[in-house]
């Protein structure tokens, strides 16, 4: 659908890590499908995380020690890797959040001054 595509939200490079960390901090341990489903549910605009986007982010965050994955059985009796934020991840979330707020503030100022 062309109309739907034009309203689709695209992630800026580096924002997915922040989003995943925040989701895990608020929702508790989740498997990848649970994270993607929740983000799609709360998004006000079309927002889809495909496996090719989400799984590399989860691997990257786990390699940094910001999340930890453990294999568990889902409610549907399937094995899935559940991810939880670590203490280091909580610290990184705070730092990434502050960095994002500074960046968003700069962009907001630039957009407000656009009419000058």
C-alpha atoms as a PDB file:
ATOM      1  CA  UNK A   1       0.000   0.000   0.000  1.00  0.00           C
ATOM      2  CA  UNK A   2       1.708   3.185  -1.117  1.00  0.00           C
ATOM      3  CA  UNK A   3      -0.168   5.431   1.322  1.00  0.00           C
ATOM      4  CA  UNK A   4       0.750   3.278   4.282  1.00  0.00           C
ATOM      5  CA  UNK A   5       4.431   3.228   3.336  1.00  0.00           C
ATOM      6  CA  UNK A   6       4.659   7.029   3.288  1.00  0.00           C
ATOM      7  CA  UNK A   7       3.651   7.189   6.965  1.00  0.00           C
ATOM      8  CA  UNK A   8       6.002   4.417   8.070  1.00  0.00           C
ATOM      9  CA  UNK A   9       8.422   5.250  10.862  1.00  0.00           C
ATOM     10  CA  UNK A  10      12.063   4.546  10.040  1.00  0.00           C
ATOM     11  CA  UNK A  11      14.684   4.216  12.733  1.00  0.00           C
ATOM     12  CA  UNK A  12      17.701   6.456  12.812  1.00  0.00           C
ATOM     13  CA  UNK A  13      20.923   4.519  13.091  1.00  0.00           C
ATOM     14  CA  UNK A  14      21.666   3.809  16.737  1.00  0.00           C
ATOM     15  CA  UNK A  15      18.139   4.353  18.049  1.00  0.00           C
ATOM     16  CA  UNK A  16      17.127   0.682  18.006  1.00  0.00           C
ATOM     17  CA  UNK A  17      19.510  -0.120  20.865  1.00  0.00           C
ATOM     18  CA  UNK A  18      17.895   2.596  22.991  1.00  0.00           C
ATOM     19  CA  UNK A  19      14.398   1.374  22.122  1.00  0.00           C
ATOM     20  CA  UNK A  20      15.198  -2.260  22.946  1.00  0.00           C
ATOM     21  CA  UNK A  21      16.897  -1.342  26.234  1.00  0.00           C
ATOM     22  CA  UNK A  22      13.920   0.800  27.252  1.00  0.00           C
ATOM     23  CA  UNK A  23      11.438  -1.931  26.315  1.00  0.00           C
ATOM     24  CA  UNK A  24      13.293  -4.522  28.396  1.00  0.00           C
ATOM     25  CA  UNK A  25      13.653  -2.103  31.318  1.00  0.00           C
ATOM     26  CA  UNK A  26       9.897  -1.496  31.399  1.00  0.00           C
ATOM     27  CA  UNK A  27       8.532  -4.889  30.312  1.00  0.00           C
ATOM     28  CA  UNK A  28      11.003  -7.232  31.955  1.00  0.00           C
ATOM     29  CA  UNK A  29      12.510 -10.252  30.175  1.00  0.00           C
ATOM     30  CA  UNK A  30      11.096 -10.794  26.682  1.00  0.00           C
ATOM     31  CA  UNK A  31      11.814 -12.882  23.622  1.00  0.00           C
ATOM     32  CA  UNK A  32      12.410 -11.126  20.294  1.00  0.00           C
ATOM     33  CA  UNK A  33       8.862 -11.629  19.037  1.00  0.00           C
ATOM     34  CA  UNK A  34       7.474 -10.172  22.281  1.00  0.00           C
ATOM     35  CA  UNK A  35       9.670  -7.079  21.947  1.00  0.00           C
ATOM     36  CA  UNK A  36       8.675  -6.528  18.318  1.00  0.00           C
ATOM     37  CA  UNK A  37       4.973  -7.090  19.017  1.00  0.00           C
ATOM     38  CA  UNK A  38       4.953  -4.643  21.932  1.00  0.00           C
ATOM     39  CA  UNK A  39       6.731  -1.931  19.965  1.00  0.00           C
ATOM     40  CA  UNK A  40       4.295  -2.327  17.075  1.00  0.00           C
ATOM     41  CA  UNK A  41       1.410  -2.182  19.550  1.00  0.00           C
ATOM     42  CA  UNK A  42       2.441   1.115  21.156  1.00  0.00           C
ATOM     43  CA  UNK A  43       3.613   2.861  17.975  1.00  0.00           C
ATOM     44  CA  UNK A  44       1.287   5.597  16.720  1.00  0.00           C
ATOM     45  CA  UNK A  45       2.492   5.139  13.145  1.00  0.00           C
ATOM     46  CA  UNK A  46       3.227   1.988  11.133  1.00  0.00           C
ATOM     47  CA  UNK A  47       6.320   0.476  12.691  1.00  0.00           C
ATOM     48  CA  UNK A  48       7.599  -2.971  11.906  1.00  0.00           C
ATOM     49  CA  UNK A  49      10.750  -4.584  13.217  1.00  0.00           C
ATOM     50  CA  UNK A  50      11.785  -7.462  11.020  1.00  0.00           C
ATOM     51  CA  UNK A  51      14.123 -10.219  12.123  1.00  0.00           C
ATOM     52  CA  UNK A  52      16.922  -8.820   9.989  1.00  0.00           C
ATOM     53  CA  UNK A  53      16.797  -5.623  12.050  1.00  0.00           C
ATOM     54  CA  UNK A  54      15.977  -6.842  15.546  1.00  0.00           C
ATOM     55  CA  UNK A  55      18.174  -9.937  15.905  1.00  0.00           C
ATOM     56  CA  UNK A  56      21.463  -8.181  15.037  1.00  0.00           C
ATOM     57  CA  UNK A  57      20.579  -5.514  17.615  1.00  0.00           C
ATOM     58  CA  UNK A  58      19.943  -8.172  20.262  1.00  0.00           C
ATOM     59  CA  UNK A  59      23.260  -9.876  19.450  1.00  0.00           C
ATOM     60  CA  UNK A  60      25.079  -6.524  19.581  1.00  0.00           C
ATOM     61  CA  UNK A  61      23.503  -5.597  22.933  1.00  0.00           C
ATOM     62  CA  UNK A  62      24.335  -9.022  24.369  1.00  0.00           C
ATOM     63  CA  UNK A  63      27.948  -8.762  23.187  1.00  0.00           C
ATOM     64  CA  UNK A  64      28.233  -5.384  24.929  1.00  0.00           C
ATOM     65  CA  UNK A  65      26.923  -6.943  28.138  1.00  0.00           C
ATOM     66  CA  UNK A  66      23.865  -4.666  28.171  1.00  0.00           C
ATOM     67  CA  UNK A  67      21.402  -7.553  27.953  1.00  0.00           C
ATOM     68  CA  UNK A  68      21.595 -11.234  28.826  1.00  0.00           C
ATOM     69  CA  UNK A  69      19.755 -13.952  26.963  1.00  0.00           C
ATOM     70  CA  UNK A  70      18.606 -17.268  28.429  1.00  0.00           C
ATOM     71  CA  UNK A  71      16.689 -20.071  26.754  1.00  0.00           C
ATOM     72  CA  UNK A  72      13.240 -20.664  28.217  1.00  0.00           C
ATOM     73  CA  UNK A  73       9.937 -22.230  27.246  1.00  0.00           C
ATOM     74  CA  UNK A  74       7.277 -19.820  25.943  1.00  0.00           C
ATOM     75  CA  UNK A  75       3.598 -19.899  26.822  1.00  0.00           C
ATOM     76  CA  UNK A  76       3.148 -21.888  23.572  1.00  0.00           C
ATOM     77  CA  UNK A  77       5.654 -24.522  24.775  1.00  0.00           C
ATOM     78  CA  UNK A  78       8.354 -23.473  22.354  1.00  0.00           C
ATOM     79  CA  UNK A  79      11.965 -22.757  23.181  1.00  0.00           C
ATOM     80  CA  UNK A  80      12.895 -19.084  22.809  1.00  0.00           C
ATOM     81  CA  UNK A  81      15.719 -16.904  23.994  1.00  0.00           C
ATOM     82  CA  UNK A  82      14.477 -14.399  26.560  1.00  0.00           C
ATOM     83  CA  UNK A  83      16.464 -11.215  26.966  1.00  0.00           C
ATOM     84  CA  UNK A  84      16.790  -9.159  30.142  1.00  0.00           C
ATOM     85  CA  UNK A  85      18.565  -5.863  30.721  1.00  0.00           C
ATOM     86  CA  UNK A  86      21.713  -6.047  32.881  1.00  0.00           C
ATOM     87  CA  UNK A  87      23.052  -3.488  35.366  1.00  0.00           C
ATOM     88  CA  UNK A  88      25.489  -2.318  32.687  1.00  0.00           C
ATOM     89  CA  UNK A  89      22.541  -2.082  30.292  1.00  0.00           C
ATOM     90  CA  UNK A  90      20.582   0.041  32.757  1.00  0.00           C
ATOM     91  CA  UNK A  91      23.553   2.431  33.004  1.00  0.00           C
ATOM     92  CA  UNK A  92      23.856   2.493  29.212  1.00  0.00           C
ATOM     93  CA  UNK A  93      20.119   3.173  28.948  1.00  0.00           C
ATOM     94  CA  UNK A  94      20.533   6.244  31.145  1.00  0.00           C
ATOM     95  CA  UNK A  95      23.467   7.486  29.077  1.00  0.00           C
ATOM     96  CA  UNK A  96      21.779   6.751  25.745  1.00  0.00           C
ATOM     97  CA  UNK A  97      18.564   8.434  26.908  1.00  0.00           C
ATOM     98  CA  UNK A  98      20.436  11.602  27.851  1.00  0.00           C
ATOM     99  CA  UNK A  99      22.294  11.584  24.532  1.00  0.00           C
ATOM    100  CA  UNK A 100      19.014  11.127  22.643  1.00  0.00           C
ATOM    101  CA  UNK A 101      17.373  14.010  24.537  1.00  0.00           C
ATOM    102  CA  UNK A 102      20.260  16.344  23.659  1.00  0.00           C
ATOM    103  CA  UNK A 103      20.065  15.300  20.010  1.00  0.00           C
ATOM    104  CA  UNK A 104      16.264  15.651  19.879  1.00  0.00           C
ATOM    105  CA  UNK A 105      16.525  19.067  21.541  1.00  0.00           C
ATOM    106  CA  UNK A 106      19.002  20.224  18.910  1.00  0.00           C
ATOM    107  CA  UNK A 107      16.785  19.003  16.061  1.00  0.00           C
ATOM    108  CA  UNK A 108      13.754  20.642  17.663  1.00  0.00           C
ATOM    109  CA  UNK A 109      15.589  23.978  17.949  1.00  0.00           C
ATOM    110  CA  UNK A 110      16.689  23.768  14.323  1.00  0.00           C
ATOM    111  CA  UNK A 111      13.146  23.036  13.164  1.00  0.00           C
ATOM    112  CA  UNK A 112      11.685  25.857  15.236  1.00  0.00           C
ATOM    113  CA  UNK A 113      14.207  28.303  13.739  1.00  0.00           C
ATOM    114  CA  UNK A 114      13.409  27.119  10.203  1.00  0.00           C
ATOM    115  CA  UNK A 115      10.791  29.842   9.726  1.00  0.00           C
ATOM    116  CA  UNK A 116      13.279  32.628  10.602  1.00  0.00           C
END
